[in-house]
Amino acid sequence: MLRRIAVVAFCANDELAAVVLVLDCPYLSVESLAIKLIVSAIREPAEALLGRNQEARRRAGFRHVLSGTTEVVSHIEDQRRTANHQPVTCATVSVSGLVDAICTAYPGADRYRASQDVLRIIGSMLEETAVAGLLDDGRIVVSLSSDTTAHADLVVHQLGLGLGQLFCEMDATIDLAPQIVRIRPDGPSVTEALGVA
């Protein structure tokens, strides 16, 4: 049903960042020069905006990750202190199967670096909903914000689906083996609740 389509590519940092399809526009049937002028007027600010957005998402992946049991425990203790007598909800997930598959597919890969990369990916997937931390035993703890605690199972389910799509070429089943832990203000210590004591 369409006779003319304009495809406009936008790049950020010399990489394709977005494609705009112009499907139903009177300028398409009159003169393509009009669209070229419009695109040339918005290209520079649009590409700058896409670049900033890309960079913000990269930084978010680092902002929402903690490496090491000490950092994780400290973060959850801070959450527990400010939780207004409510339990802090965490989910521990195992990424060892995924890390094994990465190291098998890429024999030169360092296991610790692969775990850190998976942690950053999870951190960027969570964005504002949670903070992810890598325990010394290789499990990842997802510490949920107060407005997502009721949906802990859903968050973990979405994580599994997202990782499955990202690593679909890996010959591995991604089983996160999640465990939901609710750490109460008057309950056992954070280390005991997470099983790292």
N, C-alpha and C. Protein backbone atom coordinates (compact mmCIF):
# COMPACT_ATOMS: atom_id res chain seq x y z
N MET A 1 0.82 -1.20 0.00
CA MET A 1 0.00 0.00 0.00
C MET A 1 0.86 1.27 0.00
N LEU A 2 2.12 1.14 0.38
CA LEU A 2 3.02 2.30 0.42
C LEU A 2 3.84 2.34 -0.86
N ARG A 3 3.90 3.53 -1.45
CA ARG A 3 4.69 3.67 -2.68
C ARG A 3 6.08 4.25 -2.40
N ARG A 4 6.20 5.06 -1.35
CA ARG A 4 7.47 5.68 -1.04
C ARG A 4 7.76 5.56 0.46
N ILE A 5 8.98 5.23 0.77
CA ILE A 5 9.43 5.16 2.17
C ILE A 5 10.78 5.84 2.25
N ALA A 6 10.94 6.68 3.25
CA ALA A 6 12.26 7.28 3.49
C ALA A 6 12.86 6.64 4.73
N VAL A 7 14.11 6.24 4.64
CA VAL A 7 14.83 5.65 5.77
C VAL A 7 15.95 6.62 6.14
N VAL A 8 15.90 7.10 7.39
CA VAL A 8 16.89 8.07 7.85
C VAL A 8 17.69 7.44 8.98
N ALA A 9 18.99 7.33 8.79
CA ALA A 9 19.85 6.71 9.80
C ALA A 9 20.50 7.79 10.66
N PHE A 10 20.58 7.52 11.97
CA PHE A 10 21.29 8.41 12.90
C PHE A 10 22.38 7.60 13.58
N CYS A 11 23.55 8.21 13.69
CA CYS A 11 24.69 7.52 14.29
C CYS A 11 25.14 8.23 15.56
N ALA A 12 25.68 7.46 16.48
CA ALA A 12 26.29 8.01 17.68
C ALA A 12 27.63 7.30 17.86
N ASN A 13 28.69 8.08 18.00
CA ASN A 13 30.04 7.51 18.13
C ASN A 13 30.38 6.58 16.97
N ASP A 14 30.02 7.01 15.77
CA ASP A 14 30.30 6.26 14.54
C ASP A 14 29.62 4.90 14.48
N GLU A 15 28.56 4.71 15.27
CA GLU A 15 27.79 3.47 15.22
C GLU A 15 26.33 3.81 14.99
N LEU A 16 25.64 2.96 14.25
CA LEU A 16 24.22 3.17 14.00
C LEU A 16 23.47 3.13 15.33
N ALA A 17 22.76 4.21 15.65
CA ALA A 17 22.06 4.30 16.94
C ALA A 17 20.55 4.28 16.76
N ALA A 18 20.06 4.75 15.63
CA ALA A 18 18.61 4.78 15.42
C ALA A 18 18.31 4.88 13.94
N VAL A 19 17.16 4.37 13.56
CA VAL A 19 16.67 4.50 12.19
C VAL A 19 15.25 5.03 12.27
N VAL A 20 14.99 6.10 11.54
CA VAL A 20 13.65 6.67 11.48
C VAL A 20 13.06 6.33 10.12
N LEU A 21 11.88 5.72 10.14
CA LEU A 21 11.17 5.42 8.91
C LEU A 21 10.09 6.47 8.71
N VAL A 22 10.12 7.12 7.57
CA VAL A 22 9.08 8.09 7.21
C VAL A 22 8.17 7.38 6.22
N LEU A 23 6.94 7.08 6.66
CA LEU A 23 6.05 6.24 5.85
C LEU A 23 4.91 7.00 5.21
N ASP A 24 4.37 7.96 5.90
CA ASP A 24 3.18 8.62 5.39
C ASP A 24 3.36 10.12 5.55
N CYS A 25 4.02 10.72 4.59
CA CYS A 25 4.37 12.13 4.72
C CYS A 25 4.15 12.80 3.36
N PRO A 26 3.46 13.93 3.34
CA PRO A 26 3.22 14.59 2.05
C PRO A 26 4.51 14.98 1.32
N TYR A 27 5.60 15.22 2.08
CA TYR A 27 6.85 15.61 1.44
C TYR A 27 7.44 14.48 0.58
N LEU A 28 7.07 13.25 0.88
CA LEU A 28 7.60 12.13 0.10
C LEU A 28 7.12 12.18 -1.35
N SER A 29 5.89 12.58 -1.55
CA SER A 29 5.36 12.59 -2.91
C SER A 29 5.70 13.88 -3.67
N VAL A 30 6.08 14.93 -2.93
CA VAL A 30 6.37 16.20 -3.60
C VAL A 30 7.84 16.30 -3.96
N GLU A 31 8.68 16.33 -2.95
CA GLU A 31 10.10 16.54 -3.21
C GLU A 31 10.92 15.99 -2.05
N SER A 32 11.83 15.10 -2.33
CA SER A 32 12.65 14.51 -1.27
C SER A 32 13.60 15.53 -0.66
N LEU A 33 13.83 16.65 -1.34
CA LEU A 33 14.72 17.68 -0.82
C LEU A 33 14.20 18.23 0.51
N ALA A 34 12.89 18.31 0.66
CA ALA A 34 12.29 18.83 1.90
C ALA A 34 12.69 17.95 3.08
N ILE A 35 12.61 16.65 2.89
CA ILE A 35 12.99 15.73 3.98
C ILE A 35 14.48 15.84 4.25
N LYS A 36 15.28 15.97 3.22
CA LYS A 36 16.72 16.12 3.41
C LYS A 36 17.05 17.37 4.22
N LEU A 37 16.33 18.46 3.96
CA LEU A 37 16.54 19.70 4.71
C LEU A 37 16.14 19.53 6.18
N ILE A 38 15.00 18.88 6.40
CA ILE A 38 14.54 18.65 7.78
C ILE A 38 15.55 17.79 8.53
N VAL A 39 15.99 16.72 7.89
CA VAL A 39 16.95 15.81 8.52
C VAL A 39 18.26 16.52 8.79
N SER A 40 18.74 17.32 7.84
CA SER A 40 20.01 18.02 8.07
C SER A 40 19.90 19.02 9.22
N ALA A 41 18.69 19.56 9.44
CA ALA A 41 18.49 20.51 10.54
C ALA A 41 18.50 19.82 11.90
N ILE A 42 18.00 18.58 11.94
CA ILE A 42 17.90 17.89 13.25
C ILE A 42 18.98 16.84 13.47
N ARG A 43 19.74 16.51 12.43
CA ARG A 43 20.70 15.41 12.56
C ARG A 43 21.70 15.63 13.69
N GLU A 44 22.35 16.79 13.74
CA GLU A 44 23.39 17.01 14.74
C GLU A 44 22.85 16.95 16.18
N PRO A 45 21.76 17.69 16.50
CA PRO A 45 21.24 17.58 17.88
C PRO A 45 20.71 16.18 18.20
N ALA A 46 20.10 15.52 17.20
CA ALA A 46 19.57 14.18 17.44
C ALA A 46 20.69 13.19 17.73
N GLU A 47 21.78 13.27 16.96
CA GLU A 47 22.89 12.36 17.18
C GLU A 47 23.58 12.64 18.51
N ALA A 48 23.67 13.92 18.90
CA ALA A 48 24.25 14.26 20.21
C ALA A 48 23.38 13.69 21.33
N LEU A 49 22.06 13.82 21.18
CA LEU A 49 21.13 13.29 22.18
C LEU A 49 21.23 11.77 22.28
N LEU A 50 21.32 11.10 21.13
CA LEU A 50 21.46 9.64 21.13
C LEU A 50 22.77 9.22 21.78
N GLY A 51 23.83 9.98 21.52
CA GLY A 51 25.13 9.67 22.13
C GLY A 51 25.08 9.82 23.64
N ARG A 52 24.44 10.90 24.13
CA ARG A 52 24.31 11.10 25.58
C ARG A 52 23.47 10.01 26.22
N ASN A 53 22.40 9.62 25.53
CA ASN A 53 21.54 8.56 26.05
C ASN A 53 22.29 7.24 26.14
N GLN A 54 23.07 6.94 25.11
CA GLN A 54 23.88 5.72 25.10
C GLN A 54 24.88 5.72 26.25
N GLU A 55 25.53 6.87 26.45
CA GLU A 55 26.52 6.99 27.52
C GLU A 55 25.87 6.88 28.89
N ALA A 56 24.68 7.48 29.03
CA ALA A 56 23.95 7.41 30.31
C ALA A 56 23.59 5.96 30.64
N ARG A 57 23.20 5.20 29.62
CA ARG A 57 22.86 3.79 29.86
C ARG A 57 24.10 2.99 30.24
N ARG A 58 25.25 3.34 29.61
CA ARG A 58 26.49 2.66 29.99
C ARG A 58 26.84 2.94 31.45
N ARG A 59 26.74 4.23 31.82
CA ARG A 59 27.05 4.61 33.21
C ARG A 59 26.08 3.95 34.18
N ALA A 60 24.81 3.82 33.79
CA ALA A 60 23.82 3.20 34.67
C ALA A 60 24.23 1.77 34.98
N GLY A 61 24.84 1.11 34.00
CA GLY A 61 25.28 -0.26 34.23
C GLY A 61 26.34 -0.35 35.30
N PHE A 62 27.13 0.73 35.50
CA PHE A 62 28.14 0.74 36.55
C PHE A 62 27.58 1.28 37.86
N ARG A 63 26.61 2.21 37.75
CA ARG A 63 26.06 2.83 38.95
C ARG A 63 25.27 1.84 39.78
N HIS A 64 24.68 0.86 39.15
CA HIS A 64 23.80 -0.06 39.86
C HIS A 64 24.46 -1.42 40.10
N VAL A 65 25.78 -1.46 40.17
CA VAL A 65 26.46 -2.71 40.46
C VAL A 65 27.44 -2.54 41.61
N LEU A 66 27.57 -3.59 42.38
CA LEU A 66 28.51 -3.63 43.51
C LEU A 66 29.37 -4.86 43.34
N SER A 67 30.68 -4.72 43.51
CA SER A 67 31.49 -5.92 43.39
C SER A 67 32.06 -6.29 44.74
N GLY A 68 31.82 -7.51 45.11
CA GLY A 68 32.35 -8.03 46.36
C GLY A 68 31.31 -8.10 47.45
N THR A 69 31.43 -9.13 48.27
CA THR A 69 30.48 -9.37 49.35
C THR A 69 30.41 -8.20 50.32
N THR A 70 31.55 -7.58 50.63
CA THR A 70 31.56 -6.47 51.59
C THR A 70 30.68 -5.32 51.13
N GLU A 71 30.81 -4.93 49.85
CA GLU A 71 29.98 -3.85 49.31
C GLU A 71 28.51 -4.22 49.32
N VAL A 72 28.20 -5.46 48.95
CA VAL A 72 26.81 -5.92 48.89
C VAL A 72 26.19 -5.86 50.29
N VAL A 73 26.89 -6.43 51.27
CA VAL A 73 26.38 -6.47 52.65
C VAL A 73 26.18 -5.05 53.18
N SER A 74 27.15 -4.17 52.93
CA SER A 74 27.06 -2.78 53.39
C SER A 74 25.84 -2.08 52.78
N HIS A 75 25.63 -2.29 51.49
CA HIS A 75 24.48 -1.66 50.81
C HIS A 75 23.16 -2.15 51.41
N ILE A 76 23.04 -3.45 51.63
CA ILE A 76 21.79 -4.01 52.16
C ILE A 76 21.58 -3.56 53.61
N GLU A 77 22.66 -3.46 54.38
CA GLU A 77 22.54 -2.95 55.76
C GLU A 77 22.03 -1.51 55.76
N ASP A 78 22.53 -0.69 54.82
CA ASP A 78 22.04 0.69 54.69
C ASP A 78 20.55 0.69 54.34
N GLN A 79 20.17 -0.19 53.41
CA GLN A 79 18.76 -0.30 53.04
C GLN A 79 17.91 -0.69 54.25
N ARG A 80 18.41 -1.64 55.02
CA ARG A 80 17.66 -2.14 56.17
C ARG A 80 17.47 -1.04 57.22
N ARG A 81 18.49 -0.20 57.41
CA ARG A 81 18.40 0.90 58.37
C ARG A 81 17.36 1.93 57.97
N THR A 82 17.21 2.14 56.66
CA THR A 82 16.29 3.18 56.19
C THR A 82 14.95 2.62 55.69
N ALA A 83 14.68 1.35 55.95
CA ALA A 83 13.48 0.70 55.39
C ALA A 83 12.22 0.91 56.22
N ASN A 84 12.28 1.71 57.28
CA ASN A 84 11.10 2.02 58.08
C ASN A 84 10.41 0.74 58.58
N HIS A 85 11.20 -0.15 59.19
CA HIS A 85 10.72 -1.40 59.80
C HIS A 85 10.15 -2.40 58.79
N GLN A 86 10.42 -2.19 57.51
CA GLN A 86 9.98 -3.13 56.48
C GLN A 86 11.16 -4.02 56.09
N PRO A 87 10.88 -5.27 55.68
CA PRO A 87 12.00 -6.12 55.25
C PRO A 87 12.59 -5.64 53.92
N VAL A 88 13.88 -5.90 53.74
CA VAL A 88 14.55 -5.61 52.47
C VAL A 88 14.47 -6.89 51.65
N THR A 89 13.95 -6.76 50.43
CA THR A 89 13.80 -7.94 49.57
C THR A 89 14.97 -8.04 48.61
N CYS A 90 15.59 -9.22 48.61
CA CYS A 90 16.72 -9.50 47.72
C CYS A 90 16.45 -10.81 46.99
N ALA A 91 17.06 -10.96 45.86
CA ALA A 91 17.02 -12.24 45.15
C ALA A 91 18.47 -12.62 44.85
N THR A 92 18.83 -13.83 45.20
CA THR A 92 20.16 -14.31 44.81
C THR A 92 19.98 -15.18 43.57
N VAL A 93 20.84 -14.97 42.59
CA VAL A 93 20.77 -15.74 41.35
C VAL A 93 22.14 -16.31 41.03
N SER A 94 22.12 -17.47 40.43
CA SER A 94 23.37 -18.13 40.05
C SER A 94 23.63 -17.91 38.57
N VAL A 95 24.78 -17.37 38.24
CA VAL A 95 25.14 -17.17 36.84
C VAL A 95 26.31 -18.06 36.45
N SER A 96 26.61 -19.04 37.30
CA SER A 96 27.77 -19.90 37.03
C SER A 96 27.62 -20.68 35.72
N GLY A 97 26.40 -21.14 35.41
CA GLY A 97 26.17 -21.86 34.15
C GLY A 97 26.44 -20.98 32.95
N LEU A 98 26.00 -19.73 33.03
CA LEU A 98 26.22 -18.78 31.94
C LEU A 98 27.71 -18.45 31.81
N VAL A 99 28.38 -18.23 32.93
CA VAL A 99 29.82 -17.93 32.91
C VAL A 99 30.60 -19.13 32.36
N ASP A 100 30.19 -20.36 32.75
CA ASP A 100 30.82 -21.57 32.20
C ASP A 100 30.69 -21.60 30.68
N ALA A 101 29.47 -21.28 30.18
CA ALA A 101 29.23 -21.31 28.73
C ALA A 101 30.08 -20.27 28.01
N ILE A 102 30.23 -19.07 28.62
CA ILE A 102 31.06 -18.02 28.02
C ILE A 102 32.52 -18.48 27.95
N CYS A 103 33.01 -19.06 29.05
CA CYS A 103 34.41 -19.51 29.10
C CYS A 103 34.66 -20.69 28.17
N THR A 104 33.64 -21.52 27.94
CA THR A 104 33.77 -22.64 27.00
C THR A 104 33.80 -22.12 25.57
N ALA A 105 32.90 -21.15 25.28
CA ALA A 105 32.83 -20.60 23.92
C ALA A 105 34.07 -19.78 23.59
N TYR A 106 34.64 -19.13 24.60
CA TYR A 106 35.83 -18.29 24.40
C TYR A 106 36.91 -18.76 25.37
N PRO A 107 37.72 -19.75 24.96
CA PRO A 107 38.69 -20.36 25.87
C PRO A 107 39.66 -19.39 26.53
N GLY A 108 39.91 -18.25 25.92
CA GLY A 108 40.83 -17.28 26.51
C GLY A 108 40.17 -16.37 27.54
N ALA A 109 38.86 -16.52 27.71
CA ALA A 109 38.13 -15.62 28.61
C ALA A 109 38.50 -15.89 30.07
N ASP A 110 38.62 -14.82 30.83
CA ASP A 110 38.90 -14.91 32.25
C ASP A 110 37.57 -15.02 33.00
N ARG A 111 37.46 -16.01 33.87
CA ARG A 111 36.19 -16.27 34.56
C ARG A 111 35.73 -15.07 35.40
N TYR A 112 36.65 -14.44 36.09
CA TYR A 112 36.28 -13.29 36.92
C TYR A 112 35.75 -12.15 36.04
N ARG A 113 36.44 -11.86 34.94
CA ARG A 113 36.01 -10.80 34.02
C ARG A 113 34.65 -11.13 33.41
N ALA A 114 34.44 -12.39 33.06
CA ALA A 114 33.14 -12.80 32.50
C ALA A 114 32.04 -12.58 33.52
N SER A 115 32.31 -12.91 34.80
CA SER A 115 31.32 -12.68 35.86
C SER A 115 31.03 -11.19 36.02
N GLN A 116 32.08 -10.37 35.95
CA GLN A 116 31.91 -8.92 36.06
C GLN A 116 31.07 -8.38 34.90
N ASP A 117 31.32 -8.91 33.70
CA ASP A 117 30.54 -8.46 32.53
C ASP A 117 29.07 -8.83 32.67
N VAL A 118 28.80 -10.05 33.14
CA VAL A 118 27.41 -10.47 33.35
C VAL A 118 26.76 -9.59 34.42
N LEU A 119 27.51 -9.27 35.47
CA LEU A 119 27.00 -8.39 36.52
C LEU A 119 26.63 -7.03 35.95
N ARG A 120 27.50 -6.45 35.11
CA ARG A 120 27.22 -5.14 34.52
C ARG A 120 25.99 -5.20 33.61
N ILE A 121 25.87 -6.28 32.88
CA ILE A 121 24.70 -6.44 32.01
C ILE A 121 23.43 -6.47 32.85
N ILE A 122 23.46 -7.23 33.93
CA ILE A 122 22.30 -7.31 34.82
C ILE A 122 22.02 -5.93 35.43
N GLY A 123 23.08 -5.22 35.84
CA GLY A 123 22.91 -3.87 36.40
C GLY A 123 22.25 -2.92 35.42
N SER A 124 22.65 -3.00 34.15
CA SER A 124 22.04 -2.10 33.16
C SER A 124 20.62 -2.51 32.83
N MET A 125 20.31 -3.81 32.95
CA MET A 125 18.93 -4.26 32.71
C MET A 125 18.01 -3.80 33.83
N LEU A 126 18.54 -3.74 35.05
CA LEU A 126 17.71 -3.36 36.20
C LEU A 126 17.45 -1.86 36.24
N GLU A 127 18.39 -1.07 35.74
CA GLU A 127 18.33 0.39 35.79
C GLU A 127 17.95 0.86 37.19
N GLU A 128 16.78 1.50 37.35
CA GLU A 128 16.43 2.11 38.63
C GLU A 128 15.71 1.17 39.60
N THR A 129 15.36 -0.04 39.16
CA THR A 129 14.52 -0.90 39.99
C THR A 129 15.28 -1.64 41.08
N ALA A 130 16.58 -1.78 40.95
CA ALA A 130 17.34 -2.58 41.91
C ALA A 130 18.83 -2.30 41.76
N VAL A 131 19.59 -2.86 42.68
CA VAL A 131 21.05 -2.81 42.62
C VAL A 131 21.54 -4.25 42.62
N ALA A 132 22.49 -4.57 41.76
CA ALA A 132 23.02 -5.93 41.67
C ALA A 132 24.43 -5.95 42.23
N GLY A 133 24.76 -7.01 42.94
CA GLY A 133 26.09 -7.15 43.50
C GLY A 133 26.60 -8.57 43.36
N LEU A 134 27.90 -8.69 43.17
CA LEU A 134 28.53 -9.99 42.99
C LEU A 134 29.11 -10.45 44.32
N LEU A 135 28.61 -11.59 44.80
CA LEU A 135 29.16 -12.16 46.03
C LEU A 135 30.46 -12.89 45.71
N ASP A 136 31.28 -13.09 46.72
CA ASP A 136 32.57 -13.77 46.51
C ASP A 136 32.40 -15.21 46.03
N ASP A 137 31.23 -15.83 46.32
CA ASP A 137 31.03 -17.21 45.87
C ASP A 137 30.49 -17.30 44.43
N GLY A 138 30.37 -16.13 43.75
CA GLY A 138 29.94 -16.13 42.36
C GLY A 138 28.47 -15.89 42.13
N ARG A 139 27.66 -15.91 43.19
CA ARG A 139 26.23 -15.60 43.03
C ARG A 139 26.06 -14.10 42.89
N ILE A 140 24.99 -13.70 42.25
CA ILE A 140 24.65 -12.29 42.14
C ILE A 140 23.43 -12.02 43.01
N VAL A 141 23.52 -10.95 43.81
CA VAL A 141 22.40 -10.53 44.65
C VAL A 141 21.74 -9.34 43.99
N VAL A 142 20.43 -9.42 43.83
CA VAL A 142 19.65 -8.31 43.31
C VAL A 142 18.87 -7.73 44.48
N SER A 143 19.25 -6.55 44.90
CA SER A 143 18.61 -5.88 46.04
C SER A 143 17.56 -4.91 45.49
N LEU A 144 16.29 -5.23 45.72
CA LEU A 144 15.20 -4.49 45.09
C LEU A 144 14.88 -3.20 45.82
N SER A 145 14.46 -2.19 45.07
CA SER A 145 14.00 -0.95 45.68
C SER A 145 12.63 -1.20 46.31
N SER A 146 12.22 -0.33 47.22
CA SER A 146 10.99 -0.56 48.00
C SER A 146 9.74 -0.67 47.13
N ASP A 147 9.70 0.01 45.97
CA ASP A 147 8.49 -0.05 45.15
C ASP A 147 8.43 -1.26 44.22
N THR A 148 9.47 -2.08 44.20
CA THR A 148 9.44 -3.29 43.37
C THR A 148 9.49 -4.58 44.18
N THR A 149 9.47 -4.47 45.51
CA THR A 149 9.62 -5.67 46.33
C THR A 149 8.50 -6.68 46.11
N ALA A 150 7.31 -6.19 45.82
CA ALA A 150 6.18 -7.10 45.61
C ALA A 150 6.31 -7.89 44.32
N HIS A 151 7.20 -7.44 43.44
CA HIS A 151 7.33 -8.08 42.13
C HIS A 151 8.69 -8.75 41.98
N ALA A 152 9.25 -9.25 43.06
CA ALA A 152 10.59 -9.85 43.02
C ALA A 152 10.66 -11.00 42.03
N ASP A 153 9.65 -11.88 42.05
CA ASP A 153 9.64 -13.02 41.12
C ASP A 153 9.61 -12.56 39.67
N LEU A 154 8.83 -11.51 39.41
CA LEU A 154 8.73 -10.99 38.04
C LEU A 154 10.05 -10.38 37.58
N VAL A 155 10.72 -9.65 38.47
CA VAL A 155 12.01 -9.05 38.13
C VAL A 155 13.02 -10.14 37.76
N VAL A 156 13.07 -11.20 38.56
CA VAL A 156 14.00 -12.30 38.29
C VAL A 156 13.62 -13.01 36.99
N HIS A 157 12.33 -13.21 36.78
CA HIS A 157 11.86 -13.86 35.54
C HIS A 157 12.28 -13.03 34.32
N GLN A 158 12.09 -11.71 34.40
CA GLN A 158 12.47 -10.83 33.30
C GLN A 158 13.98 -10.85 33.06
N LEU A 159 14.75 -10.94 34.16
CA LEU A 159 16.21 -11.04 34.03
C LEU A 159 16.59 -12.29 33.24
N GLY A 160 15.98 -13.41 33.61
CA GLY A 160 16.26 -14.68 32.92
C GLY A 160 15.93 -14.59 31.44
N LEU A 161 14.77 -13.99 31.11
CA LEU A 161 14.38 -13.84 29.70
C LEU A 161 15.36 -12.94 28.95
N GLY A 162 15.73 -11.82 29.60
CA GLY A 162 16.65 -10.89 28.96
C GLY A 162 18.01 -11.50 28.70
N LEU A 163 18.54 -12.23 29.70
CA LEU A 163 19.84 -12.89 29.51
C LEU A 163 19.75 -13.97 28.44
N GLY A 164 18.62 -14.68 28.42
CA GLY A 164 18.42 -15.71 27.40
C GLY A 164 18.45 -15.14 26.00
N GLN A 165 17.86 -13.96 25.82
CA GLN A 165 17.86 -13.31 24.51
C GLN A 165 19.26 -12.80 24.15
N LEU A 166 19.95 -12.22 25.12
CA LEU A 166 21.29 -11.69 24.86
C LEU A 166 22.29 -12.78 24.51
N PHE A 167 22.15 -13.93 25.19
CA PHE A 167 23.11 -15.01 25.01
C PHE A 167 22.47 -16.20 24.28
N CYS A 168 21.56 -15.89 23.35
CA CYS A 168 20.83 -16.97 22.67
C CYS A 168 21.74 -17.87 21.83
N GLU A 169 22.90 -17.37 21.44
CA GLU A 169 23.81 -18.19 20.63
C GLU A 169 24.66 -19.13 21.47
N MET A 170 24.63 -18.93 22.77
CA MET A 170 25.38 -19.82 23.66
C MET A 170 24.68 -21.17 23.76
N ASP A 171 25.45 -22.21 23.82
CA ASP A 171 24.88 -23.55 23.97
C ASP A 171 24.70 -23.85 25.45
N ALA A 172 23.79 -23.09 26.08
CA ALA A 172 23.58 -23.28 27.51
C ALA A 172 22.17 -22.85 27.89
N THR A 173 21.58 -23.58 28.81
CA THR A 173 20.30 -23.19 29.36
C THR A 173 20.57 -22.26 30.53
N ILE A 174 19.94 -21.11 30.51
CA ILE A 174 20.18 -20.14 31.58
C ILE A 174 19.20 -20.41 32.71
N ASP A 175 19.71 -21.05 33.76
CA ASP A 175 18.92 -21.33 34.95
C ASP A 175 19.51 -20.51 36.09
N LEU A 176 18.82 -19.46 36.46
CA LEU A 176 19.34 -18.57 37.50
C LEU A 176 19.19 -19.14 38.90
N ALA A 177 18.39 -20.21 39.04
CA ALA A 177 18.14 -20.82 40.36
C ALA A 177 17.89 -19.75 41.42
N PRO A 178 16.89 -18.88 41.21
CA PRO A 178 16.70 -17.75 42.12
C PRO A 178 16.20 -18.16 43.50
N GLN A 179 16.62 -17.41 44.48
CA GLN A 179 16.11 -17.55 45.85
C GLN A 179 15.74 -16.15 46.33
N ILE A 180 14.49 -15.98 46.70
CA ILE A 180 14.03 -14.69 47.22
C ILE A 180 14.27 -14.67 48.73
N VAL A 181 14.94 -13.63 49.20
CA VAL A 181 15.28 -13.50 50.62
C VAL A 181 14.71 -12.18 51.12
N ARG A 182 13.95 -12.24 52.20
CA ARG A 182 13.43 -11.02 52.82
C ARG A 182 14.17 -10.83 54.15
N ILE A 183 14.96 -9.78 54.21
CA ILE A 183 15.81 -9.53 55.37
C ILE A 183 15.09 -8.54 56.29
N ARG A 184 14.65 -9.05 57.43
CA ARG A 184 13.85 -8.24 58.37
C ARG A 184 14.78 -7.44 59.29
N PRO A 185 14.29 -6.28 59.74
CA PRO A 185 15.11 -5.44 60.63
C PRO A 185 15.51 -6.16 61.91
N ASP A 186 14.61 -7.02 62.42
CA ASP A 186 14.90 -7.72 63.68
C ASP A 186 15.34 -9.16 63.45
N GLY A 187 15.63 -9.50 62.20
CA GLY A 187 16.00 -10.88 61.88
C GLY A 187 17.49 -11.12 61.96
N PRO A 188 17.93 -12.20 61.33
CA PRO A 188 19.37 -12.51 61.33
C PRO A 188 20.17 -11.47 60.56
N SER A 189 21.47 -11.52 60.70
CA SER A 189 22.35 -10.56 60.01
C SER A 189 22.24 -10.76 58.50
N VAL A 190 22.68 -9.74 57.78
CA VAL A 190 22.63 -9.80 56.30
C VAL A 190 23.47 -10.96 55.80
N THR A 191 24.65 -11.16 56.37
CA THR A 191 25.52 -12.25 55.91
C THR A 191 24.87 -13.61 56.13
N GLU A 192 24.18 -13.78 57.28
CA GLU A 192 23.48 -15.04 57.53
C GLU A 192 22.33 -15.22 56.56
N ALA A 193 21.55 -14.16 56.33
CA ALA A 193 20.40 -14.25 55.42
C ALA A 193 20.83 -14.60 54.01
N LEU A 194 21.99 -14.10 53.60
CA LEU A 194 22.47 -14.38 52.22
C LEU A 194 23.27 -15.68 52.14
N GLY A 195 23.54 -16.28 53.30
CA GLY A 195 24.29 -17.53 53.32
C GLY A 195 25.77 -17.35 53.02
N VAL A 196 26.32 -16.21 53.46
CA VAL A 196 27.76 -15.98 53.23
C VAL A 196 28.53 -15.90 54.54
N ALA A 197 27.84 -16.22 55.65
CA ALA A 197 28.50 -16.14 56.98
C ALA A 197 29.46 -17.27 57.16
